[in-house]
Amino acid sequence: MKRSISSIFITIFLLTLLSGCNPSETSTIIGRYIESNNGAHMIISESIGPIVMNNKSKNDTLFDDLQTGDKIKITCTPVAESYPGLCGVYKLKLIAQGSIEDISKETLDNLKEMGWIDNY
């Protein structure tokens, strides 16, 4: 019995390690909110750039009260290395209201060129 339980724990550990996923790891990111053409929610981090946010919280209305340019703080999974990045959000806090003018023109141009946003 001991051996089978040990084997199960080792297998779970190895699968977690191989998947690169550690649910206990989280990141905190501060940035500006923008909603894309397809309804995806994004945060524009000064250090990372655009990141698509997936709702991993138990709050179905997590993004509902946000406006483009709002400054937010999120607690999320580590950001996937892609462009734009990708993360799952557990918590979100509105720091300050904002507008489209609070997002750099260069970032907006890049997102427009890639088809994430239309005119701004």
PDB file of N, CA and C in Angstrom:
ATOM      1  N   MET A   1       0.815  -1.198   0.000  1.00  0.00           N
ATOM      2  CA  MET A   1       0.000   0.000   0.000  1.00  0.00           C
ATOM      3  C   MET A   1       0.858   1.261   0.000  1.00  0.00           C
ATOM      4  N   LYS A   2       1.924   1.282   0.809  1.00  0.00           N
ATOM      5  CA  LYS A   2       2.804   2.437   0.861  1.00  0.00           C
ATOM      6  C   LYS A   2       3.399   2.732  -0.502  1.00  0.00           C
ATOM      7  N   ARG A   3       3.811   1.704  -1.182  1.00  0.00           N
ATOM      8  CA  ARG A   3       4.432   1.889  -2.482  1.00  0.00           C
ATOM      9  C   ARG A   3       3.474   2.506  -3.495  1.00  0.00           C
ATOM     10  N   SER A   4       2.266   2.078  -3.516  1.00  0.00           N
ATOM     11  CA  SER A   4       1.318   2.600  -4.496  1.00  0.00           C
ATOM     12  C   SER A   4       0.979   4.062  -4.228  1.00  0.00           C
ATOM     13  N   ILE A   5       0.868   4.455  -2.948  1.00  0.00           N
ATOM     14  CA  ILE A   5       0.604   5.853  -2.623  1.00  0.00           C
ATOM     15  C   ILE A   5       1.808   6.702  -2.996  1.00  0.00           C
ATOM     16  N   SER A   6       3.003   6.215  -2.712  1.00  0.00           N
ATOM     17  CA  SER A   6       4.225   6.941  -3.089  1.00  0.00           C
ATOM     18  C   SER A   6       4.304   7.093  -4.594  1.00  0.00           C
ATOM     19  N   SER A   7       3.976   6.056  -5.309  1.00  0.00           N
ATOM     20  CA  SER A   7       4.012   6.105  -6.772  1.00  0.00           C
ATOM     21  C   SER A   7       3.031   7.135  -7.317  1.00  0.00           C
ATOM     22  N   ILE A   8       1.872   7.219  -6.704  1.00  0.00           N
ATOM     23  CA  ILE A   8       0.868   8.187  -7.138  1.00  0.00           C
ATOM     24  C   ILE A   8       1.382   9.609  -6.930  1.00  0.00           C
ATOM     25  N   PHE A   9       1.946   9.884  -5.758  1.00  0.00           N
ATOM     26  CA  PHE A   9       2.478  11.228  -5.484  1.00  0.00           C
ATOM     27  C   PHE A   9       3.630  11.574  -6.424  1.00  0.00           C
ATOM     28  N   ILE A  10       4.489  10.624  -6.689  1.00  0.00           N
ATOM     29  CA  ILE A  10       5.606  10.869  -7.611  1.00  0.00           C
ATOM     30  C   ILE A  10       5.073  11.146  -9.006  1.00  0.00           C
ATOM     31  N   THR A  11       4.094  10.376  -9.441  1.00  0.00           N
ATOM     32  CA  THR A  11       3.500  10.579 -10.766  1.00  0.00           C
ATOM     33  C   THR A  11       2.859  11.954 -10.871  1.00  0.00           C
ATOM     34  N   ILE A  12       2.099  12.368  -9.859  1.00  0.00           N
ATOM     35  CA  ILE A  12       1.463  13.689  -9.865  1.00  0.00           C
ATOM     36  C   ILE A  12       2.520  14.782  -9.899  1.00  0.00           C
ATOM     37  N   PHE A  13       3.564  14.629  -9.092  1.00  0.00           N
ATOM     38  CA  PHE A  13       4.644  15.612  -9.067  1.00  0.00           C
ATOM     39  C   PHE A  13       5.305  15.730 -10.437  1.00  0.00           C
ATOM     40  N   LEU A  14       5.614  14.592 -11.048  1.00  0.00           N
ATOM     41  CA  LEU A  14       6.275  14.615 -12.359  1.00  0.00           C
ATOM     42  C   LEU A  14       5.380  15.219 -13.431  1.00  0.00           C
ATOM     43  N   LEU A  15       4.101  14.903 -13.404  1.00  0.00           N
ATOM     44  CA  LEU A  15       3.178  15.479 -14.385  1.00  0.00           C
ATOM     45  C   LEU A  15       3.079  16.991 -14.223  1.00  0.00           C
ATOM     46  N   THR A  16       3.027  17.451 -12.979  1.00  0.00           N
ATOM     47  CA  THR A  16       2.987  18.897 -12.713  1.00  0.00           C
ATOM     48  C   THR A  16       4.268  19.553 -13.190  1.00  0.00           C
ATOM     49  N   LEU A  17       5.399  18.926 -12.909  1.00  0.00           N
ATOM     50  CA  LEU A  17       6.689  19.461 -13.318  1.00  0.00           C
ATOM     51  C   LEU A  17       6.808  19.517 -14.832  1.00  0.00           C
ATOM     52  N   LEU A  18       6.414  18.449 -15.505  1.00  0.00           N
ATOM     53  CA  LEU A  18       6.497  18.395 -16.963  1.00  0.00           C
ATOM     54  C   LEU A  18       5.543  19.367 -17.640  1.00  0.00           C
ATOM     55  N   SER A  19       4.404  19.622 -17.022  1.00  0.00           N
ATOM     56  CA  SER A  19       3.433  20.534 -17.631  1.00  0.00           C
ATOM     57  C   SER A  19       3.852  21.990 -17.473  1.00  0.00           C
ATOM     58  N   GLY A  20       4.818  22.239 -16.579  1.00  0.00           N
ATOM     59  CA  GLY A  20       5.253  23.608 -16.339  1.00  0.00           C
ATOM     60  C   GLY A  20       4.233  24.407 -15.558  1.00  0.00           C
ATOM     61  N   CYS A  21       3.292  23.756 -14.951  1.00  0.00           N
ATOM     62  CA  CYS A  21       2.203  24.429 -14.247  1.00  0.00           C
ATOM     63  C   CYS A  21       2.323  24.180 -12.758  1.00  0.00           C
ATOM     64  N   ASN A  22       2.362  25.263 -12.013  1.00  0.00           N
ATOM     65  CA  ASN A  22       2.353  25.157 -10.568  1.00  0.00           C
ATOM     66  C   ASN A  22       1.243  26.062 -10.064  1.00  0.00           C
ATOM     67  N   PRO A  23       0.096  25.485  -9.690  1.00  0.00           N
ATOM     68  CA  PRO A  23      -1.047  26.309  -9.312  1.00  0.00           C
ATOM     69  C   PRO A  23      -0.792  27.213  -8.115  1.00  0.00           C
ATOM     70  N   SER A  24       0.263  26.943  -7.337  1.00  0.00           N
ATOM     71  CA  SER A  24       0.534  27.794  -6.186  1.00  0.00           C
ATOM     72  C   SER A  24       1.316  29.045  -6.572  1.00  0.00           C
ATOM     73  N   GLU A  25       1.852  29.106  -7.797  1.00  0.00           N
ATOM     74  CA  GLU A  25       2.594  30.282  -8.245  1.00  0.00           C
ATOM     75  C   GLU A  25       1.637  31.332  -8.795  1.00  0.00           C
ATOM     76  N   THR A  26       1.794  32.566  -8.351  1.00  0.00           N
ATOM     77  CA  THR A  26       1.004  33.664  -8.892  1.00  0.00           C
ATOM     78  C   THR A  26       1.903  34.860  -9.147  1.00  0.00           C
ATOM     79  N   SER A  27       1.439  35.748  -9.984  1.00  0.00           N
ATOM     80  CA  SER A  27       2.124  36.994 -10.289  1.00  0.00           C
ATOM     81  C   SER A  27       1.185  38.146  -9.966  1.00  0.00           C
ATOM     82  N   THR A  28       1.749  39.300  -9.694  1.00  0.00           N
ATOM     83  CA  THR A  28       0.973  40.520  -9.520  1.00  0.00           C
ATOM     84  C   THR A  28       1.414  41.489 -10.600  1.00  0.00           C
ATOM     85  N   ILE A  29       0.459  42.023 -11.334  1.00  0.00           N
ATOM     86  CA  ILE A  29       0.760  42.921 -12.454  1.00  0.00           C
ATOM     87  C   ILE A  29      -0.117  44.162 -12.332  1.00  0.00           C
ATOM     88  N   ILE A  30       0.485  45.307 -12.581  1.00  0.00           N
ATOM     89  CA  ILE A  30      -0.247  46.568 -12.644  1.00  0.00           C
ATOM     90  C   ILE A  30      -0.150  47.077 -14.076  1.00  0.00           C
ATOM     91  N   GLY A  31      -1.277  47.522 -14.606  1.00  0.00           N
ATOM     92  CA  GLY A  31      -1.279  48.032 -15.967  1.00  0.00           C
ATOM     93  C   GLY A  31      -2.615  48.665 -16.320  1.00  0.00           C
ATOM     94  N   ARG A  32      -2.779  48.925 -17.601  1.00  0.00           N
ATOM     95  CA  ARG A  32      -3.997  49.558 -18.125  1.00  0.00           C
ATOM     96  C   ARG A  32      -4.857  48.535 -18.839  1.00  0.00           C
ATOM     97  N   TYR A  33      -6.155  48.647 -18.645  1.00  0.00           N
ATOM     98  CA  TYR A  33      -7.131  47.723 -19.214  1.00  0.00           C
ATOM     99  C   TYR A  33      -7.545  48.154 -20.620  1.00  0.00           C
ATOM    100  N   ILE A  34      -7.748  47.158 -21.488  1.00  0.00           N
ATOM    101  CA  ILE A  34      -8.350  47.398 -22.802  1.00  0.00           C
ATOM    102  C   ILE A  34      -9.101  46.127 -23.216  1.00  0.00           C
ATOM    103  N   GLU A  35     -10.241  46.324 -23.873  1.00  0.00           N
ATOM    104  CA  GLU A  35     -11.000  45.190 -24.396  1.00  0.00           C
ATOM    105  C   GLU A  35     -10.755  45.101 -25.892  1.00  0.00           C
ATOM    106  N   SER A  36     -10.472  43.894 -26.383  1.00  0.00           N
ATOM    107  CA  SER A  36     -10.162  43.712 -27.806  1.00  0.00           C
ATOM    108  C   SER A  36     -11.434  43.596 -28.639  1.00  0.00           C
ATOM    109  N   ASN A  37     -11.247  43.546 -29.956  1.00  0.00           N
ATOM    110  CA  ASN A  37     -12.361  43.399 -30.902  1.00  0.00           C
ATOM    111  C   ASN A  37     -13.215  42.172 -30.615  1.00  0.00           C
ATOM    112  N   ASN A  38     -12.554  41.077 -30.238  1.00  0.00           N
ATOM    113  CA  ASN A  38     -13.291  39.827 -30.037  1.00  0.00           C
ATOM    114  C   ASN A  38     -13.800  39.658 -28.609  1.00  0.00           C
ATOM    115  N   GLY A  39     -13.717  40.726 -27.807  1.00  0.00           N
ATOM    116  CA  GLY A  39     -14.217  40.684 -26.436  1.00  0.00           C
ATOM    117  C   GLY A  39     -13.204  40.198 -25.420  1.00  0.00           C
ATOM    118  N   ALA A  40     -11.986  39.893 -25.865  1.00  0.00           N
ATOM    119  CA  ALA A  40     -10.941  39.466 -24.929  1.00  0.00           C
ATOM    120  C   ALA A  40     -10.541  40.649 -24.048  1.00  0.00           C
ATOM    121  N   HIS A  41     -10.260  40.360 -22.803  1.00  0.00           N
ATOM    122  CA  HIS A  41      -9.850  41.383 -21.845  1.00  0.00           C
ATOM    123  C   HIS A  41      -8.331  41.374 -21.761  1.00  0.00           C
ATOM    124  N   MET A  42      -7.733  42.564 -21.839  1.00  0.00           N
ATOM    125  CA  MET A  42      -6.283  42.665 -21.844  1.00  0.00           C
ATOM    126  C   MET A  42      -5.809  43.674 -20.807  1.00  0.00           C
ATOM    127  N   ILE A  43      -4.603  43.435 -20.309  1.00  0.00           N
ATOM    128  CA  ILE A  43      -3.916  44.397 -19.469  1.00  0.00           C
ATOM    129  C   ILE A  43      -2.635  44.773 -20.208  1.00  0.00           C
ATOM    130  N   ILE A  44      -2.330  46.068 -20.221  1.00  0.00           N
ATOM    131  CA  ILE A  44      -1.107  46.549 -20.846  1.00  0.00           C
ATOM    132  C   ILE A  44      -0.131  46.861 -19.715  1.00  0.00           C
ATOM    133  N   SER A  45       0.846  45.992 -19.548  1.00  0.00           N
ATOM    134  CA  SER A  45       1.861  46.162 -18.519  1.00  0.00           C
ATOM    135  C   SER A  45       3.048  46.911 -19.119  1.00  0.00           C
ATOM    136  N   GLU A  46       3.580  47.893 -18.391  1.00  0.00           N
ATOM    137  CA  GLU A  46       4.726  48.639 -18.903  1.00  0.00           C
ATOM    138  C   GLU A  46       5.945  47.736 -19.080  1.00  0.00           C
ATOM    139  N   SER A  47       6.115  46.753 -18.215  1.00  0.00           N
ATOM    140  CA  SER A  47       7.301  45.907 -18.300  1.00  0.00           C
ATOM    141  C   SER A  47       7.134  44.698 -19.214  1.00  0.00           C
ATOM    142  N   ILE A  48       5.900  44.212 -19.370  1.00  0.00           N
ATOM    143  CA  ILE A  48       5.671  43.002 -20.169  1.00  0.00           C
ATOM    144  C   ILE A  48       5.029  43.314 -21.509  1.00  0.00           C
ATOM    145  N   GLY A  49       4.150  44.301 -21.549  1.00  0.00           N
ATOM    146  CA  GLY A  49       3.397  44.612 -22.764  1.00  0.00           C
ATOM    147  C   GLY A  49       1.982  44.085 -22.633  1.00  0.00           C
ATOM    148  N   PRO A  50       1.288  43.894 -23.756  1.00  0.00           N
ATOM    149  CA  PRO A  50      -0.099  43.421 -23.723  1.00  0.00           C
ATOM    150  C   PRO A  50      -0.193  41.965 -23.250  1.00  0.00           C
ATOM    151  N   ILE A  51      -1.199  41.714 -22.412  1.00  0.00           N
ATOM    152  CA  ILE A  51      -1.441  40.366 -21.895  1.00  0.00           C
ATOM    153  C   ILE A  51      -2.942  40.114 -21.946  1.00  0.00           C
ATOM    154  N   VAL A  52      -3.337  39.007 -22.567  1.00  0.00           N
ATOM    155  CA  VAL A  52      -4.741  38.600 -22.583  1.00  0.00           C
ATOM    156  C   VAL A  52      -5.043  37.951 -21.243  1.00  0.00           C
ATOM    157  N   MET A  53      -6.134  38.399 -20.611  1.00  0.00           N
ATOM    158  CA  MET A  53      -6.516  37.895 -19.290  1.00  0.00           C
ATOM    159  C   MET A  53      -7.716  36.956 -19.407  1.00  0.00           C
ATOM    160  N   ASN A  54      -7.580  35.760 -18.868  1.00  0.00           N
ATOM    161  CA  ASN A  54      -8.698  34.825 -18.760  1.00  0.00           C
ATOM    162  C   ASN A  54      -9.168  34.814 -17.317  1.00  0.00           C
ATOM    163  N   ASN A  55     -10.464  34.829 -17.125  1.00  0.00           N
ATOM    164  CA  ASN A  55     -11.047  34.872 -15.789  1.00  0.00           C
ATOM    165  C   ASN A  55     -10.926  33.501 -15.118  1.00  0.00           C
ATOM    166  N   LYS A  56     -10.116  33.419 -14.082  1.00  0.00           N
ATOM    167  CA  LYS A  56      -9.969  32.198 -13.292  1.00  0.00           C
ATOM    168  C   LYS A  56     -10.572  32.371 -11.899  1.00  0.00           C
ATOM    169  N   SER A  57     -11.252  33.501 -11.686  1.00  0.00           N
ATOM    170  CA  SER A  57     -11.884  33.761 -10.394  1.00  0.00           C
ATOM    171  C   SER A  57     -13.264  33.116 -10.379  1.00  0.00           C
ATOM    172  N   LYS A  58     -13.916  33.209  -9.251  1.00  0.00           N
ATOM    173  CA  LYS A  58     -15.292  32.702  -9.137  1.00  0.00           C
ATOM    174  C   LYS A  58     -16.293  33.817  -9.404  1.00  0.00           C
ATOM    175  N   ASN A  59     -15.811  34.969  -9.859  1.00  0.00           N
ATOM    176  CA  ASN A  59     -16.644  36.139 -10.122  1.00  0.00           C
ATOM    177  C   ASN A  59     -16.859  36.278 -11.629  1.00  0.00           C
ATOM    178  N   ASP A  60     -18.040  35.929 -12.103  1.00  0.00           N
ATOM    179  CA  ASP A  60     -18.337  35.995 -13.536  1.00  0.00           C
ATOM    180  C   ASP A  60     -18.333  37.417 -14.087  1.00  0.00           C
ATOM    181  N   THR A  61     -18.441  38.406 -13.225  1.00  0.00           N
ATOM    182  CA  THR A  61     -18.502  39.807 -13.668  1.00  0.00           C
ATOM    183  C   THR A  61     -17.176  40.543 -13.397  1.00  0.00           C
ATOM    184  N   LEU A  62     -16.093  39.814 -13.306  1.00  0.00           N
ATOM    185  CA  LEU A  62     -14.792  40.366 -12.932  1.00  0.00           C
ATOM    186  C   LEU A  62     -14.395  41.585 -13.762  1.00  0.00           C
ATOM    187  N   PHE A  63     -14.643  41.550 -15.061  1.00  0.00           N
ATOM    188  CA  PHE A  63     -14.207  42.618 -15.963  1.00  0.00           C
ATOM    189  C   PHE A  63     -15.325  43.604 -16.333  1.00  0.00           C
ATOM    190  N   ASP A  64     -16.540  43.368 -15.862  1.00  0.00           N
ATOM    191  CA  ASP A  64     -17.713  44.112 -16.329  1.00  0.00           C
ATOM    192  C   ASP A  64     -17.669  45.628 -16.108  1.00  0.00           C
ATOM    193  N   ASP A  65     -17.102  46.104 -15.031  1.00  0.00           N
ATOM    194  CA  ASP A  65     -17.141  47.534 -14.723  1.00  0.00           C
ATOM    195  C   ASP A  65     -15.918  48.306 -15.226  1.00  0.00           C
ATOM    196  N   LEU A  66     -15.057  47.646 -15.995  1.00  0.00           N
ATOM    197  CA  LEU A  66     -13.826  48.294 -16.456  1.00  0.00           C
ATOM    198  C   LEU A  66     -14.036  49.052 -17.765  1.00  0.00           C
ATOM    199  N   GLN A  67     -13.314  50.142 -17.890  1.00  0.00           N
ATOM    200  CA  GLN A  67     -13.311  50.955 -19.112  1.00  0.00           C
ATOM    201  C   GLN A  67     -11.888  50.983 -19.661  1.00  0.00           C
ATOM    202  N   THR A  68     -11.759  51.119 -20.964  1.00  0.00           N
ATOM    203  CA  THR A  68     -10.443  51.203 -21.580  1.00  0.00           C
ATOM    204  C   THR A  68      -9.622  52.307 -20.927  1.00  0.00           C
ATOM    205  N   GLY A  69      -8.397  51.951 -20.537  1.00  0.00           N
ATOM    206  CA  GLY A  69      -7.485  52.898 -19.913  1.00  0.00           C
ATOM    207  C   GLY A  69      -7.459  52.835 -18.400  1.00  0.00           C
ATOM    208  N   ASP A  70      -8.445  52.161 -17.790  1.00  0.00           N
ATOM    209  CA  ASP A  70      -8.449  52.048 -16.328  1.00  0.00           C
ATOM    210  C   ASP A  70      -7.160  51.379 -15.857  1.00  0.00           C
ATOM    211  N   LYS A  71      -6.603  51.900 -14.766  1.00  0.00           N
ATOM    212  CA  LYS A  71      -5.410  51.305 -14.173  1.00  0.00           C
ATOM    213  C   LYS A  71      -5.869  50.223 -13.202  1.00  0.00           C
ATOM    214  N   ILE A  72      -5.356  49.005 -13.407  1.00  0.00           N
ATOM    215  CA  ILE A  72      -5.771  47.868 -12.592  1.00  0.00           C
ATOM    216  C   ILE A  72      -4.565  47.115 -12.046  1.00  0.00           C
ATOM    217  N   LYS A  73      -4.831  46.354 -10.996  1.00  0.00           N
ATOM    218  CA  LYS A  73      -3.834  45.461 -10.412  1.00  0.00           C
ATOM    219  C   LYS A  73      -4.453  44.076 -10.424  1.00  0.00           C
ATOM    220  N   ILE A  74      -3.725  43.092 -10.965  1.00  0.00           N
ATOM    221  CA  ILE A  74      -4.250  41.735 -11.021  1.00  0.00           C
ATOM    222  C   ILE A  74      -3.314  40.766 -10.302  1.00  0.00           C
ATOM    223  N   THR A  75      -3.910  39.718  -9.767  1.00  0.00           N
ATOM    224  CA  THR A  75      -3.174  38.565  -9.264  1.00  0.00           C
ATOM    225  C   THR A  75      -3.516  37.445 -10.229  1.00  0.00           C
ATOM    226  N   CYS A  76      -2.479  36.844 -10.811  1.00  0.00           N
ATOM    227  CA  CYS A  76      -2.727  35.918 -11.911  1.00  0.00           C
ATOM    228  C   CYS A  76      -1.695  34.793 -11.957  1.00  0.00           C
ATOM    229  N   THR A  77      -1.946  33.866 -12.861  1.00  0.00           N
ATOM    230  CA  THR A  77      -0.975  32.819 -13.139  1.00  0.00           C
ATOM    231  C   THR A  77       0.244  33.471 -13.793  1.00  0.00           C
ATOM    232  N   PRO A  78       1.387  32.781 -13.800  1.00  0.00           N
ATOM    233  CA  PRO A  78       2.527  33.331 -14.535  1.00  0.00           C
ATOM    234  C   PRO A  78       2.139  33.564 -15.999  1.00  0.00           C
ATOM    235  N   VAL A  79       2.683  34.607 -16.592  1.00  0.00           N
ATOM    236  CA  VAL A  79       2.325  34.993 -17.958  1.00  0.00           C
ATOM    237  C   VAL A  79       2.995  34.065 -18.964  1.00  0.00           C
ATOM    238  N   ALA A  80       2.194  33.517 -19.872  1.00  0.00           N
ATOM    239  CA  ALA A  80       2.728  32.664 -20.939  1.00  0.00           C
ATOM    240  C   ALA A  80       3.560  33.515 -21.885  1.00  0.00           C
ATOM    241  N   GLU A  81       4.647  32.946 -22.346  1.00  0.00           N
ATOM    242  CA  GLU A  81       5.543  33.666 -23.250  1.00  0.00           C
ATOM    243  C   GLU A  81       5.007  33.600 -24.679  1.00  0.00           C
ATOM    244  N   SER A  82       4.216  34.568 -25.021  1.00  0.00           N
ATOM    245  CA  SER A  82       3.657  34.706 -26.359  1.00  0.00           C
ATOM    246  C   SER A  82       3.428  36.192 -26.555  1.00  0.00           C
ATOM    247  N   TYR A  83       3.008  36.586 -27.740  1.00  0.00           N
ATOM    248  CA  TYR A  83       2.664  37.998 -27.934  1.00  0.00           C
ATOM    249  C   TYR A  83       1.300  38.075 -28.574  1.00  0.00           C
ATOM    250  N   PRO A  84       0.328  38.672 -27.933  1.00  0.00           N
ATOM    251  CA  PRO A  84       0.393  39.133 -26.548  1.00  0.00           C
ATOM    252  C   PRO A  84       0.527  37.965 -25.588  1.00  0.00           C
ATOM    253  N   GLY A  85       0.957  38.275 -24.359  1.00  0.00           N
ATOM    254  CA  GLY A  85       1.063  37.256 -23.322  1.00  0.00           C
ATOM    255  C   GLY A  85      -0.318  36.736 -22.946  1.00  0.00           C
ATOM    256  N   LEU A  86      -0.358  35.760 -22.081  1.00  0.00           N
ATOM    257  CA  LEU A  86      -1.616  35.149 -21.659  1.00  0.00           C
ATOM    258  C   LEU A  86      -1.501  34.763 -20.189  1.00  0.00           C
ATOM    259  N   CYS A  87      -2.555  35.078 -19.415  1.00  0.00           N
ATOM    260  CA  CYS A  87      -2.569  34.685 -18.006  1.00  0.00           C
ATOM    261  C   CYS A  87      -4.000  34.453 -17.550  1.00  0.00           C
ATOM    262  N   GLY A  88      -4.127  33.746 -16.451  1.00  0.00           N
ATOM    263  CA  GLY A  88      -5.418  33.544 -15.803  1.00  0.00           C
ATOM    264  C   GLY A  88      -5.499  34.438 -14.577  1.00  0.00           C
ATOM    265  N   VAL A  89      -6.571  35.196 -14.452  1.00  0.00           N
ATOM    266  CA  VAL A  89      -6.697  36.176 -13.370  1.00  0.00           C
ATOM    267  C   VAL A  89      -7.556  35.623 -12.231  1.00  0.00           C
ATOM    268  N   TYR A  90      -6.994  35.678 -11.015  1.00  0.00           N
ATOM    269  CA  TYR A  90      -7.708  35.259  -9.810  1.00  0.00           C
ATOM    270  C   TYR A  90      -8.348  36.447  -9.092  1.00  0.00           C
ATOM    271  N   LYS A  91      -7.637  37.585  -9.074  1.00  0.00           N
ATOM    272  CA  LYS A  91      -8.136  38.791  -8.406  1.00  0.00           C
ATOM    273  C   LYS A  91      -7.846  39.996  -9.274  1.00  0.00           C
ATOM    274  N   LEU A  92      -8.717  40.998  -9.178  1.00  0.00           N
ATOM    275  CA  LEU A  92      -8.549  42.234  -9.923  1.00  0.00           C
ATOM    276  C   LEU A  92      -8.980  43.392  -9.048  1.00  0.00           C
ATOM    277  N   LYS A  93      -8.179  44.452  -9.046  1.00  0.00           N
ATOM    278  CA  LYS A  93      -8.524  45.647  -8.275  1.00  0.00           C
ATOM    279  C   LYS A  93      -8.376  46.871  -9.172  1.00  0.00           C
ATOM    280  N   LEU A  94      -9.405  47.710  -9.201  1.00  0.00           N
ATOM    281  CA  LEU A  94      -9.339  48.978  -9.913  1.00  0.00           C
ATOM    282  C   LEU A  94      -8.527  49.954  -9.069  1.00  0.00           C
ATOM    283  N   ILE A  95      -7.465  50.489  -9.644  1.00  0.00           N
ATOM    284  CA  ILE A  95      -6.619  51.453  -8.932  1.00  0.00           C
ATOM    285  C   ILE A  95      -7.067  52.872  -9.244  1.00  0.00           C
ATOM    286  N   ALA A  96      -7.311  53.143 -10.531  1.00  0.00           N
ATOM    287  CA  ALA A  96      -7.741  54.486 -10.951  1.00  0.00           C
ATOM    288  C   ALA A  96      -8.452  54.391 -12.284  1.00  0.00           C
ATOM    289  N   GLN A  97      -9.426  55.262 -12.467  1.00  0.00           N
ATOM    290  CA  GLN A  97     -10.098  55.320 -13.764  1.00  0.00           C
ATOM    291  C   GLN A  97      -9.150  55.938 -14.782  1.00  0.00           C
ATOM    292  N   GLY A  98      -9.348  55.579 -16.033  1.00  0.00           N
ATOM    293  CA  GLY A  98      -8.492  56.096 -17.088  1.00  0.00           C
ATOM    294  C   GLY A  98      -9.245  56.194 -18.394  1.00  0.00           C
ATOM    295  N   SER A  99      -8.496  56.444 -19.462  1.00  0.00           N
ATOM    296  CA  SER A  99      -9.077  56.527 -20.797  1.00  0.00           C
ATOM    297  C   SER A  99      -8.062  55.996 -21.803  1.00  0.00           C
ATOM    298  N   ILE A 100      -8.457  55.941 -23.050  1.00  0.00           N
ATOM    299  CA  ILE A 100      -7.593  55.442 -24.116  1.00  0.00           C
ATOM    300  C   ILE A 100      -6.287  56.236 -24.208  1.00  0.00           C
ATOM    301  N   GLU A 101      -6.326  57.505 -23.810  1.00  0.00           N
ATOM    302  CA  GLU A 101      -5.135  58.350 -23.848  1.00  0.00           C
ATOM    303  C   GLU A 101      -4.052  57.876 -22.868  1.00  0.00           C
ATOM    304  N   ASP A 102      -4.431  57.034 -21.908  1.00  0.00           N
ATOM    305  CA  ASP A 102      -3.479  56.518 -20.931  1.00  0.00           C
ATOM    306  C   ASP A 102      -2.673  55.319 -21.454  1.00  0.00           C
ATOM    307  N   ILE A 103      -2.989  54.868 -22.660  1.00  0.00           N
ATOM    308  CA  ILE A 103      -2.267  53.754 -23.287  1.00  0.00           C
ATOM    309  C   ILE A 103      -1.418  54.337 -24.414  1.00  0.00           C
ATOM    310  N   SER A 104      -0.163  53.911 -24.490  1.00  0.00           N
ATOM    311  CA  SER A 104       0.753  54.493 -25.471  1.00  0.00           C
ATOM    312  C   SER A 104       0.282  54.256 -26.906  1.00  0.00           C
ATOM    313  N   LYS A 105       0.529  55.228 -27.758  1.00  0.00           N
ATOM    314  CA  LYS A 105       0.153  55.134 -29.166  1.00  0.00           C
ATOM    315  C   LYS A 105       0.848  53.951 -29.833  1.00  0.00           C
ATOM    316  N   GLU A 106       2.099  53.707 -29.467  1.00  0.00           N
ATOM    317  CA  GLU A 106       2.856  52.585 -30.045  1.00  0.00           C
ATOM    318  C   GLU A 106       2.176  51.250 -29.732  1.00  0.00           C
ATOM    319  N   THR A 107       1.745  51.073 -28.495  1.00  0.00           N
ATOM    320  CA  THR A 107       1.049  49.846 -28.105  1.00  0.00           C
ATOM    321  C   THR A 107      -0.265  49.716 -28.855  1.00  0.00           C
ATOM    322  N   LEU A 108      -1.022  50.810 -28.935  1.00  0.00           N
ATOM    323  CA  LEU A 108      -2.291  50.786 -29.669  1.00  0.00           C
ATOM    324  C   LEU A 108      -2.066  50.472 -31.147  1.00  0.00           C
ATOM    325  N   ASP A 109      -1.024  51.050 -31.745  1.00  0.00           N
ATOM    326  CA  ASP A 109      -0.705  50.770 -33.149  1.00  0.00           C
ATOM    327  C   ASP A 109      -0.375  49.292 -33.355  1.00  0.00           C
ATOM    328  N   ASN A 110       0.421  48.709 -32.438  1.00  0.00           N
ATOM    329  CA  ASN A 110       0.776  47.287 -32.538  1.00  0.00           C
ATOM    330  C   ASN A 110      -0.462  46.397 -32.427  1.00  0.00           C
ATOM    331  N   LEU A 111      -1.336  46.712 -31.469  1.00  0.00           N
ATOM    332  CA  LEU A 111      -2.550  45.914 -31.311  1.00  0.00           C
ATOM    333  C   LEU A 111      -3.474  46.051 -32.520  1.00  0.00           C
ATOM    334  N   LYS A 112      -3.538  47.247 -33.089  1.00  0.00           N
ATOM    335  CA  LYS A 112      -4.357  47.462 -34.278  1.00  0.00           C
ATOM    336  C   LYS A 112      -3.791  46.676 -35.460  1.00  0.00           C
ATOM    337  N   GLU A 113      -2.489  46.720 -35.628  1.00  0.00           N
ATOM    338  CA  GLU A 113      -1.837  46.011 -36.738  1.00  0.00           C
ATOM    339  C   GLU A 113      -2.064  44.501 -36.650  1.00  0.00           C
ATOM    340  N   MET A 114      -2.112  43.973 -35.439  1.00  0.00           N
ATOM    341  CA  MET A 114      -2.325  42.535 -35.247  1.00  0.00           C
ATOM    342  C   MET A 114      -3.806  42.164 -35.246  1.00  0.00           C
ATOM    343  N   GLY A 115      -4.696  43.144 -35.365  1.00  0.00           N
ATOM    344  CA  GLY A 115      -6.126  42.861 -35.434  1.00  0.00           C
ATOM    345  C   GLY A 115      -6.825  42.726 -34.094  1.00  0.00           C
ATOM    346  N   TRP A 116      -6.161  43.094 -33.001  1.00  0.00           N
ATOM    347  CA  TRP A 116      -6.779  43.002 -31.682  1.00  0.00           C
ATOM    348  C   TRP A 116      -7.754  44.143 -31.423  1.00  0.00           C
ATOM    349  N   ILE A 117      -7.463  45.319 -31.959  1.00  0.00           N
ATOM    350  CA  ILE A 117      -8.369  46.457 -31.784  1.00  0.00           C
ATOM    351  C   ILE A 117      -8.580  47.150 -33.128  1.00  0.00           C
ATOM    352  N   ASP A 118      -9.671  47.919 -33.223  1.00  0.00           N
ATOM    353  CA  ASP A 118      -9.930  48.717 -34.420  1.00  0.00           C
ATOM    354  C   ASP A 118      -9.424  50.126 -34.173  1.00  0.00           C
ATOM    355  N   ASN A 119     -10.164  51.090 -34.611  1.00  0.00           N
ATOM    356  CA  ASN A 119      -9.779  52.490 -34.416  1.00  0.00           C
ATOM    357  C   ASN A 119      -9.808  52.865 -32.944  1.00  0.00           C
ATOM    358  N   TYR A 120      -9.004  53.816 -32.611  1.00  0.00           N
ATOM    359  CA  TYR A 120      -8.979  54.281 -31.220  1.00  0.00           C
ATOM    360  C   TYR A 120      -8.949  55.770 -31.149  1.00  0.00           C
TER     361      TYR A 120
END
